[in-house]
Amino acid sequence: MKIMVFVDGSDHAEKAFEKAIRATTDTDELFVIYGCQFLDHMIAMSAATPMGGALSPEVIAQHHKAQEDHGKRICSLYLEKCSERKIENVHATVLTTTGYAKEE
């Protein structure tokens, strides 16, 4: 069986992770996923200066990378917990999207 759990480091995610761990058997695969949504237009609008400027594409790209790096750190913490408990067949990934899911 394949078991998927979304994590973000919160107490709720921790509880979901623990429940997924309890449900996992030796033959199962566990997928630990951190998801983040990039709202570029919101970032640009909120950072607009009184002079009418907005964030450059480079700054937005840096923000994306910082979010992805944060997600990778979160996933690595959960992978470490799996390793400590001798749980194998664990996969971790960071899923990213831009915009609003309901618009896609």
PDB file of N, CA and C in Angstrom:
ATOM      1  N   MET A   1       0.843  -1.169   0.000  1.00  0.00           N
ATOM      2  CA  MET A   1       0.000   0.000   0.000  1.00  0.00           C
ATOM      3  C   MET A   1       0.896   1.243   0.000  1.00  0.00           C
ATOM      4  N   LYS A   2       0.393   2.316  -0.598  1.00  0.00           N
ATOM      5  CA  LYS A   2       1.093   3.595  -0.595  1.00  0.00           C
ATOM      6  C   LYS A   2       0.359   4.537   0.352  1.00  0.00           C
ATOM      7  N   ILE A   3       1.127   5.138   1.249  1.00  0.00           N
ATOM      8  CA  ILE A   3       0.564   6.062   2.238  1.00  0.00           C
ATOM      9  C   ILE A   3       1.208   7.417   2.022  1.00  0.00           C
ATOM     10  N   MET A   4       0.366   8.461   1.934  1.00  0.00           N
ATOM     11  CA  MET A   4       0.861   9.799   1.701  1.00  0.00           C
ATOM     12  C   MET A   4       0.478  10.689   2.877  1.00  0.00           C
ATOM     13  N   VAL A   5       1.436  11.484   3.344  1.00  0.00           N
ATOM     14  CA  VAL A   5       1.147  12.427   4.421  1.00  0.00           C
ATOM     15  C   VAL A   5       1.798  13.766   4.067  1.00  0.00           C
ATOM     16  N   PHE A   6       1.003  14.824   4.190  1.00  0.00           N
ATOM     17  CA  PHE A   6       1.513  16.167   3.953  1.00  0.00           C
ATOM     18  C   PHE A   6       1.996  16.741   5.277  1.00  0.00           C
ATOM     19  N   VAL A   7       3.155  17.374   5.241  1.00  0.00           N
ATOM     20  CA  VAL A   7       3.761  17.899   6.467  1.00  0.00           C
ATOM     21  C   VAL A   7       4.147  19.362   6.277  1.00  0.00           C
ATOM     22  N   ASP A   8       4.148  20.087   7.378  1.00  0.00           N
ATOM     23  CA  ASP A   8       4.612  21.471   7.356  1.00  0.00           C
ATOM     24  C   ASP A   8       5.304  21.854   8.667  1.00  0.00           C
ATOM     25  N   GLY A   9       5.487  20.871   9.529  1.00  0.00           N
ATOM     26  CA  GLY A   9       6.146  21.145  10.804  1.00  0.00           C
ATOM     27  C   GLY A   9       5.189  21.522  11.929  1.00  0.00           C
ATOM     28  N   SER A  10       3.909  21.654  11.617  1.00  0.00           N
ATOM     29  CA  SER A  10       2.923  22.046  12.639  1.00  0.00           C
ATOM     30  C   SER A  10       2.543  20.855  13.512  1.00  0.00           C
ATOM     31  N   ASP A  11       1.843  21.133  14.596  1.00  0.00           N
ATOM     32  CA  ASP A  11       1.354  20.065  15.477  1.00  0.00           C
ATOM     33  C   ASP A  11       0.395  19.137  14.730  1.00  0.00           C
ATOM     34  N   HIS A  12      -0.454  19.705  13.887  1.00  0.00           N
ATOM     35  CA  HIS A  12      -1.399  18.887  13.122  1.00  0.00           C
ATOM     36  C   HIS A  12      -0.654  17.963  12.167  1.00  0.00           C
ATOM     37  N   ALA A  13       0.380  18.485  11.525  1.00  0.00           N
ATOM     38  CA  ALA A  13       1.175  17.663  10.606  1.00  0.00           C
ATOM     39  C   ALA A  13       1.890  16.555  11.378  1.00  0.00           C
ATOM     40  N   GLU A  14       2.357  16.886  12.550  1.00  0.00           N
ATOM     41  CA  GLU A  14       3.034  15.886  13.377  1.00  0.00           C
ATOM     42  C   GLU A  14       2.076  14.747  13.743  1.00  0.00           C
ATOM     43  N   LYS A  15       0.858  15.099  14.091  1.00  0.00           N
ATOM     44  CA  LYS A  15      -0.144  14.073  14.415  1.00  0.00           C
ATOM     45  C   LYS A  15      -0.470  13.219  13.186  1.00  0.00           C
ATOM     46  N   ALA A  16      -0.591  13.860  12.032  1.00  0.00           N
ATOM     47  CA  ALA A  16      -0.873  13.121  10.797  1.00  0.00           C
ATOM     48  C   ALA A  16       0.292  12.193  10.463  1.00  0.00           C
ATOM     49  N   PHE A  17       1.506  12.679  10.669  1.00  0.00           N
ATOM     50  CA  PHE A  17       2.696  11.861  10.419  1.00  0.00           C
ATOM     51  C   PHE A  17       2.713  10.650  11.341  1.00  0.00           C
ATOM     52  N   GLU A  18       2.452  10.863  12.619  1.00  0.00           N
ATOM     53  CA  GLU A  18       2.437   9.754  13.576  1.00  0.00           C
ATOM     54  C   GLU A  18       1.369   8.719  13.204  1.00  0.00           C
ATOM     55  N   LYS A  19       0.228   9.189  12.764  1.00  0.00           N
ATOM     56  CA  LYS A  19      -0.837   8.270  12.349  1.00  0.00           C
ATOM     57  C   LYS A  19      -0.398   7.486  11.106  1.00  0.00           C
ATOM     58  N   ALA A  20       0.260   8.157  10.174  1.00  0.00           N
ATOM     59  CA  ALA A  20       0.752   7.479   8.967  1.00  0.00           C
ATOM     60  C   ALA A  20       1.804   6.436   9.327  1.00  0.00           C
ATOM     61  N   ILE A  21       2.669   6.771  10.283  1.00  0.00           N
ATOM     62  CA  ILE A  21       3.709   5.830  10.730  1.00  0.00           C
ATOM     63  C   ILE A  21       3.059   4.576  11.328  1.00  0.00           C
ATOM     64  N   ARG A  22       2.039   4.774  12.153  1.00  0.00           N
ATOM     65  CA  ARG A  22       1.366   3.630  12.768  1.00  0.00           C
ATOM     66  C   ARG A  22       0.678   2.747  11.733  1.00  0.00           C
ATOM     67  N   ALA A  23       0.231   3.349  10.633  1.00  0.00           N
ATOM     68  CA  ALA A  23      -0.471   2.590   9.592  1.00  0.00           C
ATOM     69  C   ALA A  23       0.485   1.889   8.629  1.00  0.00           C
ATOM     70  N   THR A  24       1.751   2.264   8.661  1.00  0.00           N
ATOM     71  CA  THR A  24       2.724   1.727   7.717  1.00  0.00           C
ATOM     72  C   THR A  24       3.234   0.354   8.152  1.00  0.00           C
ATOM     73  N   THR A  25       3.268  -0.562   7.193  1.00  0.00           N
ATOM     74  CA  THR A  25       3.845  -1.888   7.437  1.00  0.00           C
ATOM     75  C   THR A  25       5.160  -1.993   6.655  1.00  0.00           C
ATOM     76  N   ASP A  26       5.849  -3.104   6.819  1.00  0.00           N
ATOM     77  CA  ASP A  26       7.141  -3.297   6.143  1.00  0.00           C
ATOM     78  C   ASP A  26       7.039  -3.279   4.625  1.00  0.00           C
ATOM     79  N   THR A  27       5.891  -3.622   4.088  1.00  0.00           N
ATOM     80  CA  THR A  27       5.746  -3.686   2.632  1.00  0.00           C
ATOM     81  C   THR A  27       5.165  -2.412   2.033  1.00  0.00           C
ATOM     82  N   ASP A  28       4.788  -1.444   2.866  1.00  0.00           N
ATOM     83  CA  ASP A  28       4.193  -0.199   2.377  1.00  0.00           C
ATOM     84  C   ASP A  28       5.253   0.812   1.962  1.00  0.00           C
ATOM     85  N   GLU A  29       4.813   1.773   1.153  1.00  0.00           N
ATOM     86  CA  GLU A  29       5.642   2.927   0.820  1.00  0.00           C
ATOM     87  C   GLU A  29       5.013   4.137   1.499  1.00  0.00           C
ATOM     88  N   LEU A  30       5.855   4.952   2.112  1.00  0.00           N
ATOM     89  CA  LEU A  30       5.388   6.175   2.769  1.00  0.00           C
ATOM     90  C   LEU A  30       5.911   7.368   1.990  1.00  0.00           C
ATOM     91  N   PHE A  31       5.002   8.250   1.611  1.00  0.00           N
ATOM     92  CA  PHE A  31       5.363   9.468   0.892  1.00  0.00           C
ATOM     93  C   PHE A  31       5.136  10.657   1.818  1.00  0.00           C
ATOM     94  N   VAL A  32       6.212  11.363   2.131  1.00  0.00           N
ATOM     95  CA  VAL A  32       6.168  12.547   2.984  1.00  0.00           C
ATOM     96  C   VAL A  32       6.264  13.741   2.052  1.00  0.00           C
ATOM     97  N   ILE A  33       5.247  14.602   2.071  1.00  0.00           N
ATOM     98  CA  ILE A  33       5.172  15.690   1.101  1.00  0.00           C
ATOM     99  C   ILE A  33       4.987  17.029   1.801  1.00  0.00           C
ATOM    100  N   TYR A  34       5.783  17.980   1.369  1.00  0.00           N
ATOM    101  CA  TYR A  34       5.643  19.373   1.804  1.00  0.00           C
ATOM    102  C   TYR A  34       5.169  20.146   0.579  1.00  0.00           C
ATOM    103  N   GLY A  35       4.064  20.829   0.687  1.00  0.00           N
ATOM    104  CA  GLY A  35       3.544  21.594  -0.442  1.00  0.00           C
ATOM    105  C   GLY A  35       3.602  23.082  -0.171  1.00  0.00           C
ATOM    106  N   CYS A  36       3.944  23.834  -1.211  1.00  0.00           N
ATOM    107  CA  CYS A  36       3.904  25.289  -1.080  1.00  0.00           C
ATOM    108  C   CYS A  36       3.390  25.898  -2.370  1.00  0.00           C
ATOM    109  N   GLN A  37       2.684  26.990  -2.205  1.00  0.00           N
ATOM    110  CA  GLN A  37       2.070  27.678  -3.324  1.00  0.00           C
ATOM    111  C   GLN A  37       2.693  29.059  -3.432  1.00  0.00           C
ATOM    112  N   PHE A  38       3.204  29.378  -4.614  1.00  0.00           N
ATOM    113  CA  PHE A  38       3.813  30.678  -4.842  1.00  0.00           C
ATOM    114  C   PHE A  38       2.745  31.628  -5.390  1.00  0.00           C
ATOM    115  N   LEU A  39       2.489  32.673  -4.664  1.00  0.00           N
ATOM    116  CA  LEU A  39       1.515  33.675  -5.103  1.00  0.00           C
ATOM    117  C   LEU A  39       2.274  34.914  -5.568  1.00  0.00           C
ATOM    118  N   ASP A  40       2.898  34.793  -6.731  1.00  0.00           N
ATOM    119  CA  ASP A  40       3.768  35.857  -7.223  1.00  0.00           C
ATOM    120  C   ASP A  40       3.081  37.215  -7.304  1.00  0.00           C
ATOM    121  N   HIS A  41       1.852  37.235  -7.795  1.00  0.00           N
ATOM    122  CA  HIS A  41       1.172  38.523  -7.920  1.00  0.00           C
ATOM    123  C   HIS A  41       0.897  39.140  -6.551  1.00  0.00           C
ATOM    124  N   MET A  42       0.625  38.313  -5.534  1.00  0.00           N
ATOM    125  CA  MET A  42       0.409  38.827  -4.188  1.00  0.00           C
ATOM    126  C   MET A  42       1.710  39.354  -3.590  1.00  0.00           C
ATOM    127  N   ILE A  43       2.791  38.631  -3.841  1.00  0.00           N
ATOM    128  CA  ILE A  43       4.103  39.073  -3.359  1.00  0.00           C
ATOM    129  C   ILE A  43       4.453  40.417  -3.983  1.00  0.00           C
ATOM    130  N   ALA A  44       4.263  40.514  -5.286  1.00  0.00           N
ATOM    131  CA  ALA A  44       4.611  41.745  -5.991  1.00  0.00           C
ATOM    132  C   ALA A  44       3.743  42.914  -5.531  1.00  0.00           C
ATOM    133  N   MET A  45       2.436  42.663  -5.345  1.00  0.00           N
ATOM    134  CA  MET A  45       1.540  43.742  -4.924  1.00  0.00           C
ATOM    135  C   MET A  45       1.849  44.204  -3.509  1.00  0.00           C
ATOM    136  N   SER A  46       2.117  43.273  -2.614  1.00  0.00           N
ATOM    137  CA  SER A  46       2.346  43.652  -1.225  1.00  0.00           C
ATOM    138  C   SER A  46       3.688  44.346  -1.043  1.00  0.00           C
ATOM    139  N   ALA A  47       4.595  44.141  -1.978  1.00  0.00           N
ATOM    140  CA  ALA A  47       5.916  44.748  -1.855  1.00  0.00           C
ATOM    141  C   ALA A  47       6.047  46.031  -2.678  1.00  0.00           C
ATOM    142  N   ALA A  48       4.978  46.436  -3.317  1.00  0.00           N
ATOM    143  CA  ALA A  48       5.036  47.656  -4.130  1.00  0.00           C
ATOM    144  C   ALA A  48       5.403  48.838  -3.232  1.00  0.00           C
ATOM    145  N   THR A  49       6.287  49.650  -3.735  1.00  0.00           N
ATOM    146  CA  THR A  49       6.748  50.812  -2.974  1.00  0.00           C
ATOM    147  C   THR A  49       5.838  52.002  -3.241  1.00  0.00           C
ATOM    148  N   PRO A  50       5.892  53.024  -2.407  1.00  0.00           N
ATOM    149  CA  PRO A  50       5.105  54.233  -2.672  1.00  0.00           C
ATOM    150  C   PRO A  50       5.456  54.857  -4.016  1.00  0.00           C
ATOM    151  N   MET A  51       6.636  54.567  -4.521  1.00  0.00           N
ATOM    152  CA  MET A  51       7.077  55.126  -5.801  1.00  0.00           C
ATOM    153  C   MET A  51       6.544  54.301  -6.980  1.00  0.00           C
ATOM    154  N   GLY A  52       5.783  53.243  -6.689  1.00  0.00           N
ATOM    155  CA  GLY A  52       5.190  52.454  -7.758  1.00  0.00           C
ATOM    156  C   GLY A  52       6.008  51.243  -8.167  1.00  0.00           C
ATOM    157  N   GLY A  53       7.125  50.986  -7.509  1.00  0.00           N
ATOM    158  CA  GLY A  53       7.951  49.837  -7.861  1.00  0.00           C
ATOM    159  C   GLY A  53       7.423  48.564  -7.236  1.00  0.00           C
ATOM    160  N   ALA A  54       7.884  47.439  -7.736  1.00  0.00           N
ATOM    161  CA  ALA A  54       7.504  46.137  -7.181  1.00  0.00           C
ATOM    162  C   ALA A  54       8.750  45.269  -7.139  1.00  0.00           C
ATOM    163  N   LEU A  55       8.606  44.095  -6.613  1.00  0.00           N
ATOM    164  CA  LEU A  55       9.746  43.188  -6.520  1.00  0.00           C
ATOM    165  C   LEU A  55      10.193  42.738  -7.902  1.00  0.00           C
ATOM    166  N   SER A  56      11.482  42.615  -8.051  1.00  0.00           N
ATOM    167  CA  SER A  56      12.038  42.154  -9.320  1.00  0.00           C
ATOM    168  C   SER A  56      11.846  40.646  -9.450  1.00  0.00           C
ATOM    169  N   PRO A  57      11.899  40.116 -10.663  1.00  0.00           N
ATOM    170  CA  PRO A  57      11.816  38.662 -10.851  1.00  0.00           C
ATOM    171  C   PRO A  57      12.908  37.916 -10.079  1.00  0.00           C
ATOM    172  N   GLU A  58      14.065  38.537  -9.910  1.00  0.00           N
ATOM    173  CA  GLU A  58      15.152  37.897  -9.170  1.00  0.00           C
ATOM    174  C   GLU A  58      14.798  37.729  -7.696  1.00  0.00           C
ATOM    175  N   VAL A  59      14.174  38.746  -7.128  1.00  0.00           N
ATOM    176  CA  VAL A  59      13.774  38.680  -5.719  1.00  0.00           C
ATOM    177  C   VAL A  59      12.677  37.628  -5.544  1.00  0.00           C
ATOM    178  N   ILE A  60      11.741  37.573  -6.469  1.00  0.00           N
ATOM    179  CA  ILE A  60      10.684  36.562  -6.402  1.00  0.00           C
ATOM    180  C   ILE A  60      11.294  35.174  -6.532  1.00  0.00           C
ATOM    181  N   ALA A  61      12.272  34.998  -7.421  1.00  0.00           N
ATOM    182  CA  ALA A  61      12.955  33.700  -7.573  1.00  0.00           C
ATOM    183  C   ALA A  61      13.672  33.311  -6.283  1.00  0.00           C
ATOM    184  N   GLN A  62      14.271  34.306  -5.602  1.00  0.00           N
ATOM    185  CA  GLN A  62      14.935  34.035  -4.320  1.00  0.00           C
ATOM    186  C   GLN A  62      13.904  33.581  -3.281  1.00  0.00           C
ATOM    187  N   HIS A  63      12.740  34.196  -3.316  1.00  0.00           N
ATOM    188  CA  HIS A  63      11.663  33.809  -2.389  1.00  0.00           C
ATOM    189  C   HIS A  63      11.232  32.364  -2.667  1.00  0.00           C
ATOM    190  N   HIS A  64      11.085  32.008  -3.929  1.00  0.00           N
ATOM    191  CA  HIS A  64      10.727  30.633  -4.293  1.00  0.00           C
ATOM    192  C   HIS A  64      11.761  29.651  -3.762  1.00  0.00           C
ATOM    193  N   LYS A  65      13.033  29.972  -3.979  1.00  0.00           N
ATOM    194  CA  LYS A  65      14.106  29.081  -3.536  1.00  0.00           C
ATOM    195  C   LYS A  65      14.091  28.942  -2.019  1.00  0.00           C
ATOM    196  N   ALA A  66      13.873  30.051  -1.313  1.00  0.00           N
ATOM    197  CA  ALA A  66      13.831  30.007   0.152  1.00  0.00           C
ATOM    198  C   ALA A  66      12.681  29.118   0.628  1.00  0.00           C
ATOM    199  N   GLN A  67      11.526  29.210  -0.031  1.00  0.00           N
ATOM    200  CA  GLN A  67      10.399  28.359   0.356  1.00  0.00           C
ATOM    201  C   GLN A  67      10.702  26.890   0.082  1.00  0.00           C
ATOM    202  N   GLU A  68      11.295  26.610  -1.075  1.00  0.00           N
ATOM    203  CA  GLU A  68      11.641  25.225  -1.399  1.00  0.00           C
ATOM    204  C   GLU A  68      12.681  24.683  -0.424  1.00  0.00           C
ATOM    205  N   ASP A  69      13.680  25.485  -0.103  1.00  0.00           N
ATOM    206  CA  ASP A  69      14.706  25.052   0.854  1.00  0.00           C
ATOM    207  C   ASP A  69      14.096  24.764   2.218  1.00  0.00           C
ATOM    208  N   HIS A  70      13.155  25.604   2.622  1.00  0.00           N
ATOM    209  CA  HIS A  70      12.462  25.369   3.897  1.00  0.00           C
ATOM    210  C   HIS A  70      11.724  24.030   3.842  1.00  0.00           C
ATOM    211  N   GLY A  71      11.037  23.774   2.748  1.00  0.00           N
ATOM    212  CA  GLY A  71      10.322  22.511   2.581  1.00  0.00           C
ATOM    213  C   GLY A  71      11.265  21.318   2.624  1.00  0.00           C
ATOM    214  N   LYS A  72      12.438  21.446   2.025  1.00  0.00           N
ATOM    215  CA  LYS A  72      13.425  20.363   2.042  1.00  0.00           C
ATOM    216  C   LYS A  72      13.911  20.098   3.467  1.00  0.00           C
ATOM    217  N   ARG A  73      14.103  21.172   4.243  1.00  0.00           N
ATOM    218  CA  ARG A  73      14.515  20.995   5.641  1.00  0.00           C
ATOM    219  C   ARG A  73      13.429  20.278   6.440  1.00  0.00           C
ATOM    220  N   ILE A  74      12.183  20.673   6.226  1.00  0.00           N
ATOM    221  CA  ILE A  74      11.066  20.021   6.923  1.00  0.00           C
ATOM    222  C   ILE A  74      11.021  18.539   6.554  1.00  0.00           C
ATOM    223  N   CYS A  75      11.118  18.242   5.258  1.00  0.00           N
ATOM    224  CA  CYS A  75      11.085  16.837   4.812  1.00  0.00           C
ATOM    225  C   CYS A  75      12.239  16.048   5.414  1.00  0.00           C
ATOM    226  N   SER A  76      13.418  16.655   5.486  1.00  0.00           N
ATOM    227  CA  SER A  76      14.568  15.923   6.027  1.00  0.00           C
ATOM    228  C   SER A  76      14.369  15.591   7.507  1.00  0.00           C
ATOM    229  N   LEU A  77      13.675  16.452   8.235  1.00  0.00           N
ATOM    230  CA  LEU A  77      13.380  16.152   9.644  1.00  0.00           C
ATOM    231  C   LEU A  77      12.498  14.908   9.761  1.00  0.00           C
ATOM    232  N   TYR A  78      11.507  14.810   8.882  1.00  0.00           N
ATOM    233  CA  TYR A  78      10.621  13.643   8.913  1.00  0.00           C
ATOM    234  C   TYR A  78      11.326  12.390   8.411  1.00  0.00           C
ATOM    235  N   LEU A  79      12.214  12.545   7.436  1.00  0.00           N
ATOM    236  CA  LEU A  79      13.003  11.397   6.975  1.00  0.00           C
ATOM    237  C   LEU A  79      13.896  10.875   8.100  1.00  0.00           C
ATOM    238  N   GLU A  80      14.443  11.800   8.874  1.00  0.00           N
ATOM    239  CA  GLU A  80      15.283  11.416  10.014  1.00  0.00           C
ATOM    240  C   GLU A  80      14.465  10.635  11.048  1.00  0.00           C
ATOM    241  N   LYS A  81      13.238  11.092  11.295  1.00  0.00           N
ATOM    242  CA  LYS A  81      12.369  10.381  12.237  1.00  0.00           C
ATOM    243  C   LYS A  81      12.084   8.964  11.739  1.00  0.00           C
ATOM    244  N   CYS A  82      11.887   8.824  10.436  1.00  0.00           N
ATOM    245  CA  CYS A  82      11.641   7.490   9.861  1.00  0.00           C
ATOM    246  C   CYS A  82      12.875   6.610  10.022  1.00  0.00           C
ATOM    247  N   SER A  83      14.034   7.188   9.783  1.00  0.00           N
ATOM    248  CA  SER A  83      15.281   6.440   9.906  1.00  0.00           C
ATOM    249  C   SER A  83      15.488   5.973  11.344  1.00  0.00           C
ATOM    250  N   GLU A  84      15.222   6.847  12.307  1.00  0.00           N
ATOM    251  CA  GLU A  84      15.367   6.493  13.721  1.00  0.00           C
ATOM    252  C   GLU A  84      14.458   5.328  14.095  1.00  0.00           C
ATOM    253  N   ARG A  85      13.313   5.238  13.441  1.00  0.00           N
ATOM    254  CA  ARG A  85      12.343   4.175  13.740  1.00  0.00           C
ATOM    255  C   ARG A  85      12.507   2.969  12.817  1.00  0.00           C
ATOM    256  N   LYS A  86      13.560   3.005  12.008  1.00  0.00           N
ATOM    257  CA  LYS A  86      13.861   1.893  11.091  1.00  0.00           C
ATOM    258  C   LYS A  86      12.740   1.664  10.070  1.00  0.00           C
ATOM    259  N   ILE A  87      12.106   2.756   9.651  1.00  0.00           N
ATOM    260  CA  ILE A  87      11.058   2.659   8.634  1.00  0.00           C
ATOM    261  C   ILE A  87      11.713   2.871   7.274  1.00  0.00           C
ATOM    262  N   GLU A  88      11.515   1.900   6.397  1.00  0.00           N
ATOM    263  CA  GLU A  88      12.107   1.959   5.064  1.00  0.00           C
ATOM    264  C   GLU A  88      11.034   2.292   4.032  1.00  0.00           C
ATOM    265  N   ASN A  89      11.433   2.367   2.791  1.00  0.00           N
ATOM    266  CA  ASN A  89      10.519   2.697   1.687  1.00  0.00           C
ATOM    267  C   ASN A  89       9.831   4.038   1.917  1.00  0.00           C
ATOM    268  N   VAL A  90      10.620   5.037   2.303  1.00  0.00           N
ATOM    269  CA  VAL A  90      10.095   6.375   2.551  1.00  0.00           C
ATOM    270  C   VAL A  90      10.616   7.314   1.467  1.00  0.00           C
ATOM    271  N   HIS A  91       9.714   8.090   0.915  1.00  0.00           N
ATOM    272  CA  HIS A  91      10.067   9.067  -0.108  1.00  0.00           C
ATOM    273  C   HIS A  91       9.598  10.433   0.369  1.00  0.00           C
ATOM    274  N   ALA A  92      10.407  11.444   0.145  1.00  0.00           N
ATOM    275  CA  ALA A  92      10.014  12.798   0.549  1.00  0.00           C
ATOM    276  C   ALA A  92      10.196  13.732  -0.635  1.00  0.00           C
ATOM    277  N   THR A  93       9.273  14.658  -0.765  1.00  0.00           N
ATOM    278  CA  THR A  93       9.375  15.619  -1.861  1.00  0.00           C
ATOM    279  C   THR A  93       8.715  16.936  -1.480  1.00  0.00           C
ATOM    280  N   VAL A  94       9.123  17.975  -2.181  1.00  0.00           N
ATOM    281  CA  VAL A  94       8.519  19.294  -2.039  1.00  0.00           C
ATOM    282  C   VAL A  94       7.737  19.555  -3.317  1.00  0.00           C
ATOM    283  N   LEU A  95       6.442  19.777  -3.175  1.00  0.00           N
ATOM    284  CA  LEU A  95       5.599  20.104  -4.325  1.00  0.00           C
ATOM    285  C   LEU A  95       5.354  21.607  -4.333  1.00  0.00           C
ATOM    286  N   THR A  96       5.512  22.194  -5.498  1.00  0.00           N
ATOM    287  CA  THR A  96       5.289  23.631  -5.616  1.00  0.00           C
ATOM    288  C   THR A  96       4.312  23.923  -6.757  1.00  0.00           C
ATOM    289  N   THR A  97       3.599  25.007  -6.605  1.00  0.00           N
ATOM    290  CA  THR A  97       2.716  25.492  -7.662  1.00  0.00           C
ATOM    291  C   THR A  97       2.679  27.001  -7.593  1.00  0.00           C
ATOM    292  N   THR A  98       2.279  27.614  -8.687  1.00  0.00           N
ATOM    293  CA  THR A  98       2.165  29.068  -8.753  1.00  0.00           C
ATOM    294  C   THR A  98       0.721  29.424  -9.003  1.00  0.00           C
ATOM    295  N   GLY A  99       0.238  30.445  -8.337  1.00  0.00           N
ATOM    296  CA  GLY A  99      -1.132  30.895  -8.549  1.00  0.00           C
ATOM    297  C   GLY A  99      -2.089  30.239  -7.584  1.00  0.00           C
ATOM    298  N   TYR A 100      -3.353  30.224  -7.976  1.00  0.00           N
ATOM    299  CA  TYR A 100      -4.400  29.641  -7.146  1.00  0.00           C
ATOM    300  C   TYR A 100      -4.840  28.313  -7.742  1.00  0.00           C
ATOM    301  N   ALA A 101      -4.930  27.288  -6.919  1.00  0.00           N
ATOM    302  CA  ALA A 101      -5.319  25.962  -7.386  1.00  0.00           C
ATOM    303  C   ALA A 101      -6.703  25.977  -8.028  1.00  0.00           C
ATOM    304  N   LYS A 102      -7.614  26.744  -7.491  1.00  0.00           N
ATOM    305  CA  LYS A 102      -8.980  26.740  -8.024  1.00  0.00           C
ATOM    306  C   LYS A 102      -9.061  27.377  -9.409  1.00  0.00           C
ATOM    307  N   GLU A 103      -8.038  28.126  -9.802  1.00  0.00           N
ATOM    308  CA  GLU A 103      -8.029  28.755 -11.127  1.00  0.00           C
ATOM    309  C   GLU A 103      -7.424  27.864 -12.184  1.00  0.00           C
ATOM    310  N   GLU A 104      -6.796  26.755 -11.783  1.00  0.00           N
ATOM    311  CA  GLU A 104      -6.080  25.922 -12.731  1.00  0.00           C
ATOM    312  C   GLU A 104      -6.903  24.779 -13.246  1.00  0.00           C
TER     313      GLU A 104
END
